Amino acid sequence: MGTGVGGGKAIPRRKRSRRAGGLRPMSDINVTPMVDVMLVLLIVFMVTAPLLSAGIPLELPKTEAKALGGEKEPLTISVDKAGKVYIQDKEIKIEELIPKLKAIAKNGYNERIYIRGDQQSLHGKISEVMGKVSGAGFTRLAIVTDAQSQ
């Protein structure tokens, strides 16, 4: 081995880290906390998603008709027992119904529209809504009811 400055014995060099205490920072990502958070969020969304689809609470009339099959979610117009009109779950005035439907309809006048009316709402109000929608050119209308228990 070589000699150091001044002709003494060779002193081996130590590897020194930049941090005090000699520990290097860990460069690996710990994914366990991220997975835990994602699982908690998944559970929260799974529990709350069905609650969000209910929309306006209505007591639908009971019939023996079978459910219609659908490939995607249709536009829904609801009339509650007080006579208020909703598109999806936003309240609107009856005068604004047709302009809003035309703006929302993706397939033009061929869009499927479901009309939901509370069992205790006035028949005239539901008929007025249906008349306005069909008079505007929308042809694929359906009234939503609950299945009658036997």
N, C-alpha and C. Protein backbone atom coordinates (compact mmCIF):
# COMPACT_ATOMS: atom_id res chain seq x y z
N MET A 1 0.84 -1.18 0.00
CA MET A 1 0.00 0.00 0.00
C MET A 1 0.88 1.23 0.00
N GLY A 2 0.28 2.27 -0.51
CA GLY A 2 1.03 3.50 -0.61
C GLY A 2 1.07 4.21 0.72
N THR A 3 1.92 5.15 0.78
CA THR A 3 2.01 5.91 2.01
C THR A 3 1.24 7.18 1.89
N GLY A 4 0.74 7.67 3.00
CA GLY A 4 -0.01 8.90 3.01
C GLY A 4 0.94 10.08 2.98
N VAL A 5 0.41 11.22 3.06
CA VAL A 5 1.20 12.43 3.07
C VAL A 5 2.02 12.43 4.35
N GLY A 6 3.24 12.70 4.27
CA GLY A 6 4.08 12.77 5.45
C GLY A 6 4.78 11.46 5.72
N GLY A 7 4.60 10.44 4.85
CA GLY A 7 5.36 9.21 4.97
C GLY A 7 4.83 8.24 6.00
N GLY A 8 3.63 8.42 6.56
CA GLY A 8 3.11 7.50 7.55
C GLY A 8 2.41 6.31 6.92
N LYS A 9 1.69 5.58 7.74
CA LYS A 9 0.96 4.42 7.25
C LYS A 9 -0.23 4.87 6.42
N ALA A 10 -0.67 3.96 5.52
CA ALA A 10 -1.83 4.25 4.68
C ALA A 10 -3.10 4.14 5.51
N ILE A 11 -3.96 5.11 5.39
CA ILE A 11 -5.23 5.11 6.13
C ILE A 11 -6.33 4.80 5.12
N PRO A 12 -7.07 3.70 5.34
CA PRO A 12 -8.15 3.38 4.40
C PRO A 12 -9.24 4.45 4.44
N ARG A 13 -9.79 4.77 3.29
CA ARG A 13 -10.85 5.78 3.21
C ARG A 13 -12.19 5.15 3.51
N ARG A 14 -13.00 5.86 4.22
CA ARG A 14 -14.36 5.41 4.53
C ARG A 14 -15.33 6.03 3.53
N LYS A 15 -16.36 5.26 3.24
CA LYS A 15 -17.42 5.85 2.43
C LYS A 15 -18.29 6.66 3.36
N ARG A 16 -18.44 7.89 3.04
CA ARG A 16 -19.28 8.75 3.86
C ARG A 16 -20.53 9.10 3.08
N SER A 17 -21.65 9.08 3.77
CA SER A 17 -22.89 9.51 3.11
C SER A 17 -23.05 10.99 3.31
N ARG A 18 -23.94 11.55 2.56
CA ARG A 18 -24.14 13.00 2.63
C ARG A 18 -24.94 13.39 3.86
N ARG A 19 -25.72 12.47 4.37
CA ARG A 19 -26.57 12.81 5.51
C ARG A 19 -25.83 12.52 6.81
N ALA A 20 -26.20 13.25 7.80
CA ALA A 20 -25.63 12.99 9.12
C ALA A 20 -26.17 11.66 9.63
N GLY A 21 -25.38 10.90 10.28
CA GLY A 21 -25.82 9.62 10.80
C GLY A 21 -25.48 8.48 9.87
N GLY A 22 -25.06 8.75 8.64
CA GLY A 22 -24.59 7.73 7.75
C GLY A 22 -25.67 6.94 7.02
N LEU A 23 -26.94 7.30 7.11
CA LEU A 23 -28.00 6.57 6.44
C LEU A 23 -28.35 7.24 5.12
N ARG A 24 -28.52 6.44 4.10
CA ARG A 24 -28.91 6.98 2.81
C ARG A 24 -30.42 6.97 2.70
N PRO A 25 -30.99 7.92 1.95
CA PRO A 25 -32.45 7.91 1.78
C PRO A 25 -32.87 6.71 0.92
N MET A 26 -34.04 6.17 1.26
CA MET A 26 -34.55 5.02 0.54
C MET A 26 -35.18 5.51 -0.77
N SER A 27 -34.81 4.91 -1.88
CA SER A 27 -35.31 5.38 -3.17
C SER A 27 -36.49 4.56 -3.68
N ASP A 28 -36.94 3.54 -2.94
CA ASP A 28 -38.10 2.74 -3.34
C ASP A 28 -39.38 3.40 -2.88
N ILE A 29 -40.46 3.24 -3.69
CA ILE A 29 -41.76 3.79 -3.34
C ILE A 29 -42.53 2.74 -2.56
N ASN A 30 -43.10 3.15 -1.45
CA ASN A 30 -43.90 2.25 -0.63
C ASN A 30 -45.34 2.36 -1.10
N VAL A 31 -45.86 1.33 -1.78
CA VAL A 31 -47.20 1.38 -2.35
C VAL A 31 -48.28 0.89 -1.40
N THR A 32 -47.93 0.32 -0.29
CA THR A 32 -48.94 -0.20 0.64
C THR A 32 -49.92 0.87 1.11
N PRO A 33 -49.49 2.06 1.54
CA PRO A 33 -50.47 3.08 1.94
C PRO A 33 -51.37 3.52 0.79
N MET A 34 -50.82 3.60 -0.41
CA MET A 34 -51.63 4.00 -1.56
C MET A 34 -52.70 2.94 -1.87
N VAL A 35 -52.35 1.67 -1.77
CA VAL A 35 -53.32 0.61 -1.99
C VAL A 35 -54.41 0.65 -0.93
N ASP A 36 -54.03 0.90 0.31
CA ASP A 36 -55.01 1.00 1.40
C ASP A 36 -56.01 2.13 1.12
N VAL A 37 -55.52 3.27 0.72
CA VAL A 37 -56.39 4.41 0.43
C VAL A 37 -57.31 4.10 -0.73
N MET A 38 -56.79 3.47 -1.78
CA MET A 38 -57.61 3.14 -2.94
C MET A 38 -58.71 2.14 -2.59
N LEU A 39 -58.41 1.17 -1.74
CA LEU A 39 -59.43 0.21 -1.33
C LEU A 39 -60.53 0.87 -0.51
N VAL A 40 -60.15 1.78 0.36
CA VAL A 40 -61.16 2.50 1.15
C VAL A 40 -62.04 3.35 0.23
N LEU A 41 -61.44 4.03 -0.74
CA LEU A 41 -62.23 4.83 -1.69
C LEU A 41 -63.15 3.94 -2.52
N LEU A 42 -62.68 2.79 -2.93
CA LEU A 42 -63.50 1.86 -3.70
C LEU A 42 -64.73 1.43 -2.90
N ILE A 43 -64.54 1.12 -1.64
CA ILE A 43 -65.66 0.70 -0.80
C ILE A 43 -66.64 1.85 -0.61
N VAL A 44 -66.13 3.05 -0.38
CA VAL A 44 -67.01 4.22 -0.20
C VAL A 44 -67.85 4.46 -1.45
N PHE A 45 -67.23 4.40 -2.64
CA PHE A 45 -67.98 4.63 -3.87
C PHE A 45 -68.96 3.51 -4.16
N MET A 46 -68.62 2.28 -3.81
CA MET A 46 -69.54 1.17 -4.02
C MET A 46 -70.79 1.30 -3.15
N VAL A 47 -70.61 1.84 -1.95
CA VAL A 47 -71.75 2.00 -1.04
C VAL A 47 -72.61 3.19 -1.45
N THR A 48 -71.99 4.29 -1.88
CA THR A 48 -72.76 5.50 -2.17
C THR A 48 -73.35 5.53 -3.58
N ALA A 49 -72.82 4.78 -4.54
CA ALA A 49 -73.31 4.83 -5.92
C ALA A 49 -74.79 4.47 -6.04
N PRO A 50 -75.29 3.42 -5.40
CA PRO A 50 -76.72 3.13 -5.52
C PRO A 50 -77.61 4.21 -4.91
N LEU A 51 -77.11 4.92 -3.93
CA LEU A 51 -77.90 5.97 -3.30
C LEU A 51 -78.06 7.17 -4.23
N LEU A 52 -77.09 7.40 -5.11
CA LEU A 52 -77.14 8.56 -6.00
C LEU A 52 -78.09 8.36 -7.18
N SER A 53 -78.37 7.12 -7.54
CA SER A 53 -79.20 6.89 -8.71
C SER A 53 -80.69 6.99 -8.43
N ALA A 54 -81.09 7.13 -7.19
CA ALA A 54 -82.51 7.17 -6.85
C ALA A 54 -83.17 8.43 -7.38
N GLY A 55 -82.48 9.56 -7.34
CA GLY A 55 -83.04 10.80 -7.88
C GLY A 55 -84.16 11.35 -7.01
N ILE A 56 -85.29 11.66 -7.62
CA ILE A 56 -86.45 12.24 -6.94
C ILE A 56 -87.25 11.09 -6.31
N PRO A 57 -87.53 11.19 -5.01
CA PRO A 57 -88.32 10.12 -4.39
C PRO A 57 -89.79 10.20 -4.82
N LEU A 58 -90.25 9.21 -5.57
CA LEU A 58 -91.62 9.16 -6.06
C LEU A 58 -92.25 7.83 -5.66
N GLU A 59 -93.55 7.85 -5.49
CA GLU A 59 -94.29 6.61 -5.28
C GLU A 59 -94.97 6.29 -6.61
N LEU A 60 -94.34 5.40 -7.38
CA LEU A 60 -94.81 5.09 -8.72
C LEU A 60 -96.04 4.18 -8.67
N PRO A 61 -96.96 4.32 -9.63
CA PRO A 61 -98.12 3.43 -9.67
C PRO A 61 -97.69 2.00 -10.02
N LYS A 62 -98.46 1.03 -9.56
CA LYS A 62 -98.15 -0.39 -9.77
C LYS A 62 -98.90 -0.90 -11.01
N THR A 63 -98.21 -1.64 -11.88
CA THR A 63 -98.83 -2.24 -13.06
C THR A 63 -98.26 -3.64 -13.27
N GLU A 64 -98.84 -4.36 -14.22
CA GLU A 64 -98.36 -5.70 -14.54
C GLU A 64 -97.45 -5.69 -15.76
N ALA A 65 -97.08 -4.53 -16.25
CA ALA A 65 -96.23 -4.43 -17.43
C ALA A 65 -94.82 -4.90 -17.11
N LYS A 66 -94.15 -5.45 -18.13
CA LYS A 66 -92.78 -5.93 -17.97
C LYS A 66 -91.81 -4.77 -18.19
N ALA A 67 -90.62 -4.90 -17.62
CA ALA A 67 -89.60 -3.85 -17.74
C ALA A 67 -89.07 -3.79 -19.16
N LEU A 68 -88.78 -2.58 -19.63
CA LEU A 68 -88.19 -2.39 -20.94
C LEU A 68 -86.69 -2.58 -20.85
N GLY A 69 -86.12 -3.28 -21.81
CA GLY A 69 -84.67 -3.44 -21.85
C GLY A 69 -84.05 -2.21 -22.47
N GLY A 70 -82.94 -1.80 -21.96
CA GLY A 70 -82.31 -0.61 -22.51
C GLY A 70 -80.81 -0.79 -22.59
N GLU A 71 -80.21 -0.16 -23.60
CA GLU A 71 -78.79 -0.30 -23.80
C GLU A 71 -78.02 0.80 -23.06
N LYS A 72 -78.65 1.91 -22.78
CA LYS A 72 -77.99 3.00 -22.06
C LYS A 72 -79.04 3.74 -21.23
N GLU A 73 -78.56 4.62 -20.38
CA GLU A 73 -79.49 5.34 -19.51
C GLU A 73 -80.26 6.39 -20.30
N PRO A 74 -81.59 6.34 -20.26
CA PRO A 74 -82.39 7.30 -21.02
C PRO A 74 -82.56 8.61 -20.25
N LEU A 75 -83.08 9.61 -20.93
CA LEU A 75 -83.48 10.85 -20.26
C LEU A 75 -84.71 10.55 -19.41
N THR A 76 -84.78 11.12 -18.22
CA THR A 76 -85.91 10.88 -17.34
C THR A 76 -86.53 12.21 -16.95
N ILE A 77 -87.85 12.30 -17.16
CA ILE A 77 -88.62 13.46 -16.71
C ILE A 77 -89.49 12.97 -15.56
N SER A 78 -89.44 13.66 -14.43
CA SER A 78 -90.22 13.26 -13.27
C SER A 78 -91.19 14.37 -12.88
N VAL A 79 -92.38 13.96 -12.43
CA VAL A 79 -93.38 14.89 -11.90
C VAL A 79 -93.72 14.41 -10.50
N ASP A 80 -93.43 15.25 -9.49
CA ASP A 80 -93.72 14.81 -8.12
C ASP A 80 -95.17 15.13 -7.75
N LYS A 81 -95.57 14.75 -6.53
CA LYS A 81 -96.98 14.92 -6.16
C LYS A 81 -97.38 16.38 -6.03
N ALA A 82 -96.42 17.29 -5.88
CA ALA A 82 -96.73 18.72 -5.83
C ALA A 82 -96.85 19.33 -7.23
N GLY A 83 -96.52 18.55 -8.27
CA GLY A 83 -96.63 19.04 -9.64
C GLY A 83 -95.35 19.65 -10.17
N LYS A 84 -94.23 19.54 -9.44
CA LYS A 84 -92.95 20.07 -9.91
C LYS A 84 -92.37 19.12 -10.95
N VAL A 85 -91.74 19.69 -11.98
CA VAL A 85 -91.18 18.90 -13.07
C VAL A 85 -89.66 18.89 -12.95
N TYR A 86 -89.05 17.72 -13.18
CA TYR A 86 -87.60 17.55 -13.09
C TYR A 86 -87.10 16.86 -14.35
N ILE A 87 -85.95 17.28 -14.85
CA ILE A 87 -85.22 16.53 -15.86
C ILE A 87 -84.04 15.92 -15.13
N GLN A 88 -83.96 14.57 -15.21
CA GLN A 88 -83.02 13.79 -14.40
C GLN A 88 -83.32 14.15 -12.94
N ASP A 89 -82.50 14.91 -12.23
CA ASP A 89 -82.83 15.28 -10.86
C ASP A 89 -82.73 16.78 -10.64
N LYS A 90 -82.88 17.57 -11.71
CA LYS A 90 -82.86 19.03 -11.60
C LYS A 90 -84.25 19.58 -11.89
N GLU A 91 -84.75 20.40 -10.97
CA GLU A 91 -86.08 20.99 -11.14
C GLU A 91 -86.03 22.07 -12.22
N ILE A 92 -87.06 22.06 -13.09
CA ILE A 92 -87.18 23.08 -14.13
C ILE A 92 -88.62 23.54 -14.21
N LYS A 93 -88.82 24.68 -14.87
CA LYS A 93 -90.18 25.15 -15.13
C LYS A 93 -90.70 24.46 -16.37
N ILE A 94 -92.00 24.27 -16.45
CA ILE A 94 -92.61 23.55 -17.57
C ILE A 94 -92.34 24.25 -18.90
N GLU A 95 -92.17 25.59 -18.87
CA GLU A 95 -91.90 26.33 -20.09
C GLU A 95 -90.50 26.03 -20.62
N GLU A 96 -89.58 25.64 -19.74
CA GLU A 96 -88.19 25.38 -20.14
C GLU A 96 -87.97 23.93 -20.56
N LEU A 97 -89.00 23.10 -20.49
CA LEU A 97 -88.86 21.66 -20.71
C LEU A 97 -88.34 21.34 -22.11
N ILE A 98 -88.99 21.84 -23.14
CA ILE A 98 -88.63 21.47 -24.52
C ILE A 98 -87.25 22.02 -24.92
N PRO A 99 -86.94 23.30 -24.64
CA PRO A 99 -85.58 23.77 -24.99
C PRO A 99 -84.48 22.97 -24.29
N LYS A 100 -84.71 22.62 -23.04
CA LYS A 100 -83.69 21.83 -22.31
C LYS A 100 -83.58 20.43 -22.89
N LEU A 101 -84.71 19.80 -23.24
CA LEU A 101 -84.67 18.46 -23.83
C LEU A 101 -83.92 18.47 -25.16
N LYS A 102 -84.17 19.48 -25.97
CA LYS A 102 -83.48 19.57 -27.25
C LYS A 102 -81.98 19.77 -27.06
N ALA A 103 -81.61 20.51 -26.03
CA ALA A 103 -80.18 20.74 -25.77
C ALA A 103 -79.51 19.48 -25.22
N ILE A 104 -80.25 18.69 -24.45
CA ILE A 104 -79.68 17.50 -23.82
C ILE A 104 -79.66 16.31 -24.76
N ALA A 105 -80.67 16.18 -25.62
CA ALA A 105 -80.83 14.99 -26.46
C ALA A 105 -79.63 14.81 -27.38
N LYS A 106 -78.96 13.67 -27.25
CA LYS A 106 -77.79 13.38 -28.06
C LYS A 106 -78.18 12.82 -29.42
N ASN A 107 -79.24 12.04 -29.47
CA ASN A 107 -79.67 11.40 -30.70
C ASN A 107 -80.79 12.17 -31.40
N GLY A 108 -80.92 13.42 -31.11
CA GLY A 108 -81.98 14.22 -31.71
C GLY A 108 -83.34 13.79 -31.18
N TYR A 109 -84.31 13.69 -32.07
CA TYR A 109 -85.67 13.35 -31.65
C TYR A 109 -85.85 11.85 -31.44
N ASN A 110 -84.83 11.07 -31.70
CA ASN A 110 -84.93 9.63 -31.54
C ASN A 110 -84.46 9.19 -30.15
N GLU A 111 -84.22 10.10 -29.25
CA GLU A 111 -83.77 9.80 -27.88
C GLU A 111 -84.91 9.17 -27.08
N ARG A 112 -84.60 8.11 -26.31
CA ARG A 112 -85.61 7.50 -25.44
C ARG A 112 -85.80 8.39 -24.20
N ILE A 113 -87.05 8.69 -23.88
CA ILE A 113 -87.38 9.54 -22.74
C ILE A 113 -88.37 8.80 -21.85
N TYR A 114 -88.01 8.66 -20.58
CA TYR A 114 -88.90 8.04 -19.60
C TYR A 114 -89.60 9.14 -18.81
N ILE A 115 -90.90 8.97 -18.61
CA ILE A 115 -91.67 9.93 -17.82
C ILE A 115 -92.12 9.22 -16.56
N ARG A 116 -91.72 9.76 -15.42
CA ARG A 116 -92.07 9.21 -14.12
C ARG A 116 -93.02 10.17 -13.44
N GLY A 117 -94.14 9.68 -12.97
CA GLY A 117 -95.10 10.52 -12.27
C GLY A 117 -95.48 9.90 -10.94
N ASP A 118 -95.47 10.68 -9.89
CA ASP A 118 -95.87 10.18 -8.58
C ASP A 118 -97.32 9.72 -8.64
N GLN A 119 -97.62 8.68 -7.92
CA GLN A 119 -98.96 8.10 -7.91
C GLN A 119 -100.00 9.11 -7.48
N GLN A 120 -99.62 10.05 -6.61
CA GLN A 120 -100.56 11.03 -6.08
C GLN A 120 -100.53 12.35 -6.84
N SER A 121 -99.72 12.42 -7.91
CA SER A 121 -99.68 13.67 -8.69
C SER A 121 -100.92 13.75 -9.58
N LEU A 122 -101.21 14.92 -10.04
CA LEU A 122 -102.38 15.13 -10.88
C LEU A 122 -102.14 14.52 -12.27
N HIS A 123 -103.11 13.82 -12.76
CA HIS A 123 -103.01 13.19 -14.08
C HIS A 123 -102.85 14.26 -15.16
N GLY A 124 -103.47 15.39 -14.97
CA GLY A 124 -103.38 16.48 -15.95
C GLY A 124 -101.96 17.00 -16.12
N LYS A 125 -101.20 17.06 -15.05
CA LYS A 125 -99.83 17.57 -15.12
C LYS A 125 -98.94 16.60 -15.90
N ILE A 126 -99.12 15.30 -15.65
CA ILE A 126 -98.34 14.30 -16.38
C ILE A 126 -98.73 14.32 -17.86
N SER A 127 -100.03 14.45 -18.13
CA SER A 127 -100.50 14.52 -19.52
C SER A 127 -99.96 15.76 -20.23
N GLU A 128 -99.88 16.87 -19.51
CA GLU A 128 -99.34 18.10 -20.09
C GLU A 128 -97.87 17.92 -20.46
N VAL A 129 -97.11 17.29 -19.58
CA VAL A 129 -95.69 17.04 -19.85
C VAL A 129 -95.55 16.12 -21.07
N MET A 130 -96.35 15.03 -21.12
CA MET A 130 -96.28 14.11 -22.25
C MET A 130 -96.68 14.81 -23.55
N GLY A 131 -97.69 15.65 -23.50
CA GLY A 131 -98.13 16.38 -24.68
C GLY A 131 -97.07 17.32 -25.21
N LYS A 132 -96.40 18.04 -24.31
CA LYS A 132 -95.35 18.96 -24.73
C LYS A 132 -94.19 18.21 -25.36
N VAL A 133 -93.80 17.09 -24.73
CA VAL A 133 -92.65 16.34 -25.23
C VAL A 133 -92.96 15.71 -26.59
N SER A 134 -94.12 15.08 -26.72
CA SER A 134 -94.46 14.46 -28.00
C SER A 134 -94.76 15.52 -29.06
N GLY A 135 -95.32 16.66 -28.68
CA GLY A 135 -95.59 17.76 -29.61
C GLY A 135 -94.31 18.38 -30.15
N ALA A 136 -93.21 18.26 -29.38
CA ALA A 136 -91.93 18.81 -29.83
C ALA A 136 -91.22 17.88 -30.81
N GLY A 137 -91.79 16.67 -31.03
CA GLY A 137 -91.20 15.76 -32.01
C GLY A 137 -90.53 14.53 -31.42
N PHE A 138 -90.43 14.44 -30.11
CA PHE A 138 -89.84 13.26 -29.49
C PHE A 138 -90.85 12.12 -29.56
N THR A 139 -90.46 10.97 -30.11
CA THR A 139 -91.41 9.89 -30.34
C THR A 139 -91.20 8.68 -29.44
N ARG A 140 -90.05 8.54 -28.85
CA ARG A 140 -89.77 7.35 -28.03
C ARG A 140 -90.03 7.66 -26.56
N LEU A 141 -91.29 7.74 -26.18
CA LEU A 141 -91.69 8.04 -24.80
C LEU A 141 -92.15 6.78 -24.10
N ALA A 142 -91.92 6.70 -22.80
CA ALA A 142 -92.39 5.58 -22.00
C ALA A 142 -92.72 6.10 -20.60
N ILE A 143 -93.78 5.54 -20.02
CA ILE A 143 -94.16 5.91 -18.64
C ILE A 143 -93.58 4.84 -17.72
N VAL A 144 -92.92 5.27 -16.66
CA VAL A 144 -92.30 4.35 -15.71
C VAL A 144 -93.27 4.03 -14.59
N THR A 145 -93.41 2.72 -14.30
CA THR A 145 -94.25 2.25 -13.20
C THR A 145 -93.48 1.20 -12.42
N ASP A 146 -93.98 0.85 -11.25
CA ASP A 146 -93.44 -0.25 -10.47
C ASP A 146 -94.20 -1.52 -10.80
N ALA A 147 -93.54 -2.65 -10.66
CA ALA A 147 -94.21 -3.93 -10.90
C ALA A 147 -95.20 -4.20 -9.78
N GLN A 148 -96.37 -4.71 -10.12
CA GLN A 148 -97.41 -4.98 -9.13
C GLN A 148 -97.10 -6.28 -8.42
N SER A 149 -97.07 -6.25 -7.10
CA SER A 149 -96.81 -7.47 -6.34
C SER A 149 -98.05 -8.33 -6.29
N GLN A 150 -97.87 -9.66 -6.39
CA GLN A 150 -99.03 -10.55 -6.46
C GLN A 150 -99.21 -11.31 -5.20
